[in-house]
C-alpha atoms as a PDB file:
ATOM      1  CA  UNK A   1    -116.777 -36.061 -15.819  1.00  0.00           C
ATOM      2  CA  UNK A   2    -118.126 -33.728 -16.781  1.00  0.00           C
ATOM      3  CA  UNK A   3    -116.331 -31.197 -18.939  1.00  0.00           C
ATOM      4  CA  UNK A   4    -117.652 -27.409 -17.902  1.00  0.00           C
ATOM      5  CA  UNK A   5    -116.056 -24.399 -20.962  1.00  0.00           C
ATOM      6  CA  UNK A   6    -114.086 -21.699 -18.530  1.00  0.00           C
ATOM      7  CA  UNK A   7    -114.972 -18.860 -20.551  1.00  0.00           C
ATOM      8  CA  UNK A   8    -117.172 -16.045 -20.842  1.00  0.00           C
ATOM      9  CA  UNK A   9    -116.744 -15.951 -24.713  1.00  0.00           C
ATOM     10  CA  UNK A  10    -120.013 -16.445 -25.797  1.00  0.00           C
ATOM     11  CA  UNK A  11    -119.434 -16.889 -29.045  1.00  0.00           C
ATOM     12  CA  UNK A  12    -116.318 -19.895 -27.753  1.00  0.00           C
ATOM     13  CA  UNK A  13    -119.275 -20.925 -26.133  1.00  0.00           C
ATOM     14  CA  UNK A  14    -121.721 -21.120 -28.425  1.00  0.00           C
ATOM     15  CA  UNK A  15    -119.535 -23.855 -31.044  1.00  0.00           C
ATOM     16  CA  UNK A  16    -119.265 -26.243 -27.675  1.00  0.00           C
ATOM     17  CA  UNK A  17    -122.303 -26.256 -26.576  1.00  0.00           C
ATOM     18  CA  UNK A  18    -123.439 -27.036 -30.022  1.00  0.00           C
ATOM     19  CA  UNK A  19    -121.580 -30.059 -29.961  1.00  0.00           C
ATOM     20  CA  UNK A  20    -123.493 -30.941 -26.865  1.00  0.00           C
ATOM     21  CA  UNK A  21    -120.475 -31.956 -24.764  1.00  0.00           C
ATOM     22  CA  UNK A  22    -120.810 -28.962 -22.842  1.00  0.00           C
ATOM     23  CA  UNK A  23    -122.770 -29.477 -19.943  1.00  0.00           C
ATOM     24  CA  UNK A  24    -121.080 -26.360 -17.685  1.00  0.00           C
ATOM     25  CA  UNK A  25    -119.206 -23.129 -17.870  1.00  0.00           C
ATOM     26  CA  UNK A  26    -116.826 -20.805 -15.005  1.00  0.00           C
ATOM     27  CA  UNK A  27    -116.694 -17.114 -15.092  1.00  0.00           C
ATOM     28  CA  UNK A  28    -113.761 -15.241 -12.860  1.00  0.00           C
ATOM     29  CA  UNK A  29    -114.014 -11.306 -13.789  1.00  0.00           C
ATOM     30  CA  UNK A  30    -110.030 -11.660 -15.384  1.00  0.00           C
ATOM     31  CA  UNK A  31    -112.325 -13.623 -18.393  1.00  0.00           C
ATOM     32  CA  UNK A  32    -115.005 -11.205 -17.721  1.00  0.00           C
ATOM     33  CA  UNK A  33    -112.871  -7.907 -18.050  1.00  0.00           C
ATOM     34  CA  UNK A  34    -111.880  -9.834 -21.522  1.00  0.00           C
ATOM     35  CA  UNK A  35    -115.630  -9.530 -22.571  1.00  0.00           C
ATOM     36  CA  UNK A  36    -115.654  -5.978 -21.730  1.00  0.00           C
ATOM     37  CA  UNK A  37    -118.769  -6.790 -21.057  1.00  0.00           C
ATOM     38  CA  UNK A  38    -120.883  -6.060 -17.773  1.00  0.00           C
ATOM     39  CA  UNK A  39    -120.251  -8.889 -15.452  1.00  0.00           C
ATOM     40  CA  UNK A  40    -124.403  -9.376 -15.087  1.00  0.00           C
ATOM     41  CA  UNK A  41    -125.209  -9.335 -18.103  1.00  0.00           C
ATOM     42  CA  UNK A  42    -122.158 -11.246 -19.259  1.00  0.00           C
ATOM     43  CA  UNK A  43    -123.294 -14.082 -17.099  1.00  0.00           C
ATOM     44  CA  UNK A  44    -127.078 -12.796 -18.151  1.00  0.00           C
ATOM     45  CA  UNK A  45    -126.894 -13.774 -21.834  1.00  0.00           C
ATOM     46  CA  UNK A  46    -124.232 -17.352 -20.283  1.00  0.00           C
ATOM     47  CA  UNK A  47    -127.270 -18.234 -17.997  1.00  0.00           C
ATOM     48  CA  UNK A  48    -130.403 -18.231 -20.152  1.00  0.00           C
ATOM     49  CA  UNK A  49    -128.388 -18.887 -23.966  1.00  0.00           C
ATOM     50  CA  UNK A  50    -127.537 -21.727 -22.794  1.00  0.00           C
ATOM     51  CA  UNK A  51    -130.500 -23.790 -20.794  1.00  0.00           C
ATOM     52  CA  UNK A  52    -128.774 -26.912 -20.809  1.00  0.00           C
ATOM     53  CA  UNK A  53    -125.837 -26.323 -18.314  1.00  0.00           C
ATOM     54  CA  UNK A  54    -126.636 -27.449 -15.504  1.00  0.00           C
ATOM     55  CA  UNK A  55    -123.486 -25.070 -14.209  1.00  0.00           C
ATOM     56  CA  UNK A  56    -122.214 -20.685 -15.215  1.00  0.00           C
ATOM     57  CA  UNK A  57    -120.101 -19.800 -12.018  1.00  0.00           C
ATOM     58  CA  UNK A  58    -120.009 -16.367 -11.347  1.00  0.00           C
ATOM     59  CA  UNK A  59    -117.203 -15.101  -8.912  1.00  0.00           C
ATOM     60  CA  UNK A  60    -117.976 -12.445  -6.731  1.00  0.00           C
ATOM     61  CA  UNK A  61    -114.247 -10.705  -4.801  1.00  0.00           C
ATOM     62  CA  UNK A  62    -114.954  -9.095  -1.280  1.00  0.00           C
ATOM     63  CA  UNK A  63    -112.952  -8.574   1.369  1.00  0.00           C
ATOM     64  CA  UNK A  64    -115.736 -10.042   3.838  1.00  0.00           C
ATOM     65  CA  UNK A  65    -118.574 -12.554   3.870  1.00  0.00           C
ATOM     66  CA  UNK A  66    -121.768  -9.604   3.944  1.00  0.00           C
ATOM     67  CA  UNK A  67    -119.705  -8.766   0.630  1.00  0.00           C
ATOM     68  CA  UNK A  68    -119.789 -11.472  -0.711  1.00  0.00           C
ATOM     69  CA  UNK A  69    -123.282 -11.757  -0.406  1.00  0.00           C
ATOM     70  CA  UNK A  70    -124.383  -8.363  -1.041  1.00  0.00           C
ATOM     71  CA  UNK A  71    -122.232  -8.914  -4.821  1.00  0.00           C
ATOM     72  CA  UNK A  72    -124.324 -12.633  -5.072  1.00  0.00           C
ATOM     73  CA  UNK A  73    -127.903 -10.680  -5.065  1.00  0.00           C
ATOM     74  CA  UNK A  74    -127.456  -8.773  -7.872  1.00  0.00           C
ATOM     75  CA  UNK A  75    -127.368 -12.377  -9.661  1.00  0.00           C
ATOM     76  CA  UNK A  76    -130.455 -12.853  -7.934  1.00  0.00           C
ATOM     77  CA  UNK A  77    -133.228 -12.352 -10.936  1.00  0.00           C
ATOM     78  CA  UNK A  78    -131.010 -14.931 -12.649  1.00  0.00           C
ATOM     79  CA  UNK A  79    -130.941 -17.417  -9.929  1.00  0.00           C
ATOM     80  CA  UNK A  80    -133.629 -19.439 -10.231  1.00  0.00           C
ATOM     81  CA  UNK A  81    -132.032 -20.821 -13.583  1.00  0.00           C
ATOM     82  CA  UNK A  82    -128.404 -21.842 -12.637  1.00  0.00           C
ATOM     83  CA  UNK A  83    -126.053 -20.119 -11.851  1.00  0.00           C
ATOM     84  CA  UNK A  84    -123.481 -21.322  -9.022  1.00  0.00           C
ATOM     85  CA  UNK A  85    -121.667 -18.682  -7.359  1.00  0.00           C
ATOM     86  CA  UNK A  86    -118.126 -18.454  -6.908  1.00  0.00           C
ATOM     87  CA  UNK A  87    -116.485 -17.756  -3.464  1.00  0.00           C
ATOM     88  CA  UNK A  88    -112.958 -17.923  -2.966  1.00  0.00           C
ATOM     89  CA  UNK A  89    -111.761 -21.093  -0.279  1.00  0.00           C
ATOM     90  CA  UNK A  90    -110.952 -18.155   2.552  1.00  0.00           C
ATOM     91  CA  UNK A  91    -112.295 -17.312   6.334  1.00  0.00           C
ATOM     92  CA  UNK A  92    -114.937 -14.854   4.555  1.00  0.00           C
ATOM     93  CA  UNK A  93    -115.655 -16.940   1.434  1.00  0.00           C
ATOM     94  CA  UNK A  94    -116.794 -19.415   3.867  1.00  0.00           C
ATOM     95  CA  UNK A  95    -118.409 -17.764   5.517  1.00  0.00           C
ATOM     96  CA  UNK A  96    -120.285 -16.453   2.730  1.00  0.00           C
ATOM     97  CA  UNK A  97    -120.609 -19.793   1.560  1.00  0.00           C
ATOM     98  CA  UNK A  98    -123.197 -20.786   4.197  1.00  0.00           C
ATOM     99  CA  UNK A  99    -124.928 -18.158   4.116  1.00  0.00           C
ATOM    100  CA  UNK A 100    -125.879 -18.162   0.941  1.00  0.00           C
ATOM    101  CA  UNK A 101    -126.281 -22.443   0.891  1.00  0.00           C
ATOM    102  CA  UNK A 102    -129.350 -21.176   3.531  1.00  0.00           C
ATOM    103  CA  UNK A 103    -130.587 -19.186   1.241  1.00  0.00           C
ATOM    104  CA  UNK A 104    -130.580 -21.677  -1.489  1.00  0.00           C
ATOM    105  CA  UNK A 105    -128.204 -20.625  -3.483  1.00  0.00           C
ATOM    106  CA  UNK A 106    -125.832 -23.202  -4.838  1.00  0.00           C
ATOM    107  CA  UNK A 107    -121.772 -22.530  -4.123  1.00  0.00           C
ATOM    108  CA  UNK A 108    -118.188 -22.826  -6.485  1.00  0.00           C
ATOM    109  CA  UNK A 109    -115.480 -22.751  -3.888  1.00  0.00           C
ATOM    110  CA  UNK A 110    -112.337 -21.728  -5.735  1.00  0.00           C
ATOM    111  CA  UNK A 111    -109.457 -21.799  -4.926  1.00  0.00           C
ATOM    112  CA  UNK A 112    -108.480 -24.789  -3.406  1.00  0.00           C
ATOM    113  CA  UNK A 113    -104.217 -25.987  -2.878  1.00  0.00           C
ATOM    114  CA  UNK A 114    -105.151 -28.143   0.097  1.00  0.00           C
ATOM    115  CA  UNK A 115    -107.343 -31.173   1.129  1.00  0.00           C
ATOM    116  CA  UNK A 116    -107.635 -29.386   4.465  1.00  0.00           C
ATOM    117  CA  UNK A 117    -109.534 -26.483   2.345  1.00  0.00           C
ATOM    118  CA  UNK A 118    -110.968 -28.985   0.760  1.00  0.00           C
ATOM    119  CA  UNK A 119    -112.243 -30.530   3.965  1.00  0.00           C
ATOM    120  CA  UNK A 120    -113.931 -26.671   5.191  1.00  0.00           C
ATOM    121  CA  UNK A 121    -115.657 -26.488   1.855  1.00  0.00           C
ATOM    122  CA  UNK A 122    -117.697 -29.234   2.083  1.00  0.00           C
ATOM    123  CA  UNK A 123    -118.350 -28.584   5.734  1.00  0.00           C
ATOM    124  CA  UNK A 124    -119.416 -24.460   4.667  1.00  0.00           C
ATOM    125  CA  UNK A 125    -121.841 -26.790   2.673  1.00  0.00           C
ATOM    126  CA  UNK A 126    -120.283 -25.495  -1.140  1.00  0.00           C
ATOM    127  CA  UNK A 127    -121.406 -27.947  -4.111  1.00  0.00           C
ATOM    128  CA  UNK A 128    -118.599 -27.585  -5.883  1.00  0.00           C
ATOM    129  CA  UNK A 129    -114.553 -27.112  -5.155  1.00  0.00           C
ATOM    130  CA  UNK A 130    -111.825 -26.186  -7.294  1.00  0.00           C
ATOM    131  CA  UNK A 131    -108.073 -27.515  -7.250  1.00  0.00           C
ATOM    132  CA  UNK A 132    -105.930 -25.319  -8.993  1.00  0.00           C
ATOM    133  CA  UNK A 133    -104.186 -28.284 -10.751  1.00  0.00           C
ATOM    134  CA  UNK A 134    -102.448 -26.075 -13.170  1.00  0.00           C
ATOM    135  CA  UNK A 135    -101.106 -23.077 -11.099  1.00  0.00           C
ATOM    136  CA  UNK A 136    -100.473 -25.839  -8.161  1.00  0.00           C
ATOM    137  CA  UNK A 137     -97.940 -27.126 -10.548  1.00  0.00           C
ATOM    138  CA  UNK A 138     -96.530 -23.989 -11.859  1.00  0.00           C
ATOM    139  CA  UNK A 139     -96.074 -23.809  -8.292  1.00  0.00           C
ATOM    140  CA  UNK A 140     -94.591 -27.662  -7.452  1.00  0.00           C
ATOM    141  CA  UNK A 141     -97.256 -28.550  -5.944  1.00  0.00           C
ATOM    142  CA  UNK A 142     -98.593 -31.496  -7.582  1.00  0.00           C
ATOM    143  CA  UNK A 143    -102.275 -31.323  -8.599  1.00  0.00           C
ATOM    144  CA  UNK A 144    -102.935 -34.385  -9.709  1.00  0.00           C
ATOM    145  CA  UNK A 145    -102.399 -35.842  -6.487  1.00  0.00           C
ATOM    146  CA  UNK A 146    -104.492 -33.240  -4.882  1.00  0.00           C
ATOM    147  CA  UNK A 147    -107.278 -33.664  -6.652  1.00  0.00           C
ATOM    148  CA  UNK A 148    -106.979 -37.874  -5.723  1.00  0.00           C
ATOM    149  CA  UNK A 149    -106.519 -37.000  -2.342  1.00  0.00           C
ATOM    150  CA  UNK A 150    -109.701 -34.676  -2.082  1.00  0.00           C
ATOM    151  CA  UNK A 151    -112.041 -37.245  -4.272  1.00  0.00           C
ATOM    152  CA  UNK A 152    -110.426 -40.034  -1.878  1.00  0.00           C
ATOM    153  CA  UNK A 153    -111.520 -38.065   1.307  1.00  0.00           C
ATOM    154  CA  UNK A 154    -115.037 -36.993  -0.483  1.00  0.00           C
ATOM    155  CA  UNK A 155    -115.466 -40.878  -1.215  1.00  0.00           C
ATOM    156  CA  UNK A 156    -115.079 -42.118   2.184  1.00  0.00           C
ATOM    157  CA  UNK A 157    -118.536 -39.504   3.799  1.00  0.00           C
ATOM    158  CA  UNK A 158    -121.647 -41.212   2.437  1.00  0.00           C
ATOM    159  CA  UNK A 159    -123.054 -38.224   2.737  1.00  0.00           C
ATOM    160  CA  UNK A 160    -121.006 -35.469   1.011  1.00  0.00           C
ATOM    161  CA  UNK A 161    -122.934 -33.478  -1.667  1.00  0.00           C
ATOM    162  CA  UNK A 162    -119.959 -31.675  -3.027  1.00  0.00           C
ATOM    163  CA  UNK A 163    -118.455 -31.951  -6.252  1.00  0.00           C
ATOM    164  CA  UNK A 164    -114.018 -31.973  -6.990  1.00  0.00           C
ATOM    165  CA  UNK A 165    -113.424 -29.392  -9.800  1.00  0.00           C
ATOM    166  CA  UNK A 166    -110.261 -29.507 -11.379  1.00  0.00           C
ATOM    167  CA  UNK A 167    -110.153 -25.687 -12.599  1.00  0.00           C
ATOM    168  CA  UNK A 168    -106.713 -24.131 -14.398  1.00  0.00           C
ATOM    169  CA  UNK A 169    -106.110 -27.023 -16.743  1.00  0.00           C
ATOM    170  CA  UNK A 170    -103.070 -26.534 -19.206  1.00  0.00           C
ATOM    171  CA  UNK A 171    -103.181 -29.404 -21.515  1.00  0.00           C
ATOM    172  CA  UNK A 172    -104.929 -32.960 -22.169  1.00  0.00           C
ATOM    173  CA  UNK A 173    -103.213 -34.208 -20.328  1.00  0.00           C
ATOM    174  CA  UNK A 174    -103.867 -33.155 -17.109  1.00  0.00           C
ATOM    175  CA  UNK A 175    -107.280 -33.637 -18.452  1.00  0.00           C
ATOM    176  CA  UNK A 176    -106.539 -37.079 -19.163  1.00  0.00           C
ATOM    177  CA  UNK A 177    -104.761 -37.118 -15.615  1.00  0.00           C
ATOM    178  CA  UNK A 178    -107.841 -35.463 -13.614  1.00  0.00           C
ATOM    179  CA  UNK A 179    -110.686 -38.189 -14.845  1.00  0.00           C
ATOM    180  CA  UNK A 180    -108.181 -40.856 -13.582  1.00  0.00           C
ATOM    181  CA  UNK A 181    -107.714 -39.721  -9.836  1.00  0.00           C
ATOM    182  CA  UNK A 182    -111.878 -39.134  -9.473  1.00  0.00           C
ATOM    183  CA  UNK A 183    -112.359 -35.512 -10.873  1.00  0.00           C
ATOM    184  CA  UNK A 184    -116.138 -34.938 -11.395  1.00  0.00           C
ATOM    185  CA  UNK A 185    -115.942 -31.772 -13.233  1.00  0.00           C
ATOM    186  CA  UNK A 186    -113.100 -29.942 -14.990  1.00  0.00           C
ATOM    187  CA  UNK A 187    -113.521 -26.857 -16.252  1.00  0.00           C
ATOM    188  CA  UNK A 188    -110.449 -25.887 -19.707  1.00  0.00           C
ATOM    189  CA  UNK A 189    -110.454 -23.818 -21.888  1.00  0.00           C
ATOM    190  CA  UNK A 190    -111.911 -23.354 -25.127  1.00  0.00           C
ATOM    191  CA  UNK A 191    -108.762 -24.408 -26.997  1.00  0.00           C
ATOM    192  CA  UNK A 192    -107.949 -27.538 -25.013  1.00  0.00           C
ATOM    193  CA  UNK A 193    -111.526 -28.402 -25.681  1.00  0.00           C
ATOM    194  CA  UNK A 194    -111.165 -28.169 -29.116  1.00  0.00           C
ATOM    195  CA  UNK A 195    -107.615 -30.318 -28.557  1.00  0.00           C
ATOM    196  CA  UNK A 196    -109.845 -33.609 -26.736  1.00  0.00           C
ATOM    197  CA  UNK A 197    -110.590 -33.995 -30.258  1.00  0.00           C
ATOM    198  CA  UNK A 198    -107.162 -34.227 -31.943  1.00  0.00           C
ATOM    199  CA  UNK A 199    -105.080 -37.157 -32.241  1.00  0.00           C
ATOM    200  CA  UNK A 200    -102.123 -37.565 -35.539  1.00  0.00           C
ATOM    201  CA  UNK A 201    -103.285 -41.469 -35.612  1.00  0.00           C
ATOM    202  CA  UNK A 202    -107.165 -40.708 -35.573  1.00  0.00           C
ATOM    203  CA  UNK A 203    -105.820 -38.441 -38.965  1.00  0.00           C
ATOM    204  CA  UNK A 204    -103.908 -41.060 -40.665  1.00  0.00           C
ATOM    205  CA  UNK A 205    -106.483 -43.769 -40.374  1.00  0.00           C
ATOM    206  CA  UNK A 206    -108.858 -41.035 -41.921  1.00  0.00           C
ATOM    207  CA  UNK A 207    -106.485 -40.426 -44.749  1.00  0.00           C
ATOM    208  CA  UNK A 208    -105.843 -44.192 -46.153  1.00  0.00           C
ATOM    209  CA  UNK A 209    -110.030 -44.682 -45.539  1.00  0.00           C
ATOM    210  CA  UNK A 210    -110.463 -41.873 -47.867  1.00  0.00           C
ATOM    211  CA  UNK A 211    -107.948 -42.545 -50.330  1.00  0.00           C
ATOM    212  CA  UNK A 212    -109.928 -45.939 -49.710  1.00  0.00           C
ATOM    213  CA  UNK A 213    -112.702 -45.679 -51.024  1.00  0.00           C
ATOM    214  CA  UNK A 214    -112.412 -42.926 -54.034  1.00  0.00           C
ATOM    215  CA  UNK A 215    -109.725 -46.519 -55.017  1.00  0.00           C
ATOM    216  CA  UNK A 216    -113.200 -48.559 -54.422  1.00  0.00           C
ATOM    217  CA  UNK A 217    -116.150 -45.711 -55.998  1.00  0.00           C
ATOM    218  CA  UNK A 218    -113.587 -44.757 -59.002  1.00  0.00           C
ATOM    219  CA  UNK A 219    -113.608 -48.633 -60.326  1.00  0.00           C
END
């Protein structure tokens, strides 16, 4: 399972990128707004600066497929790198997905809350489908079971090329459960990524090793 970072904060991305553990970034209008910068400029900097990323998701927001496609064209100058256009799982969003795929764009279909939606996203040509695990949980839907079900359905299709990208993750437990359930990728906030390194038994083990080492070298 690959790890993407869910942020538009360049400093946070750089810290995580240096570990070699993160393989992509997802953004959305809310995250871009927090950066206080022009969306195209933010996406361009992420794409060019972190060339090891396989995907940088840039979300388009509009009422019609035509408008979504036109917004996607604003990223045309950097599409030869690793830009993925992010569209909602709606009638117009999936129309846009089909159009963008015919033009060579990779597409991330977001705001997915059911297997039915995931089936339609795959048929529309999505490179990634993003079930919102945390938001499912907020609405008494088992988001982990949704990941498992979509992964199972996709796994039955030998020609399937759509990856299951677990999104809206709130904690390490959800990351672990997504991996067990068969997610191809998870996208997580920086704070959750750094928490993945931590465990109290690791800290206790290090403390003991350090003490034993000091005892050895002091003799």
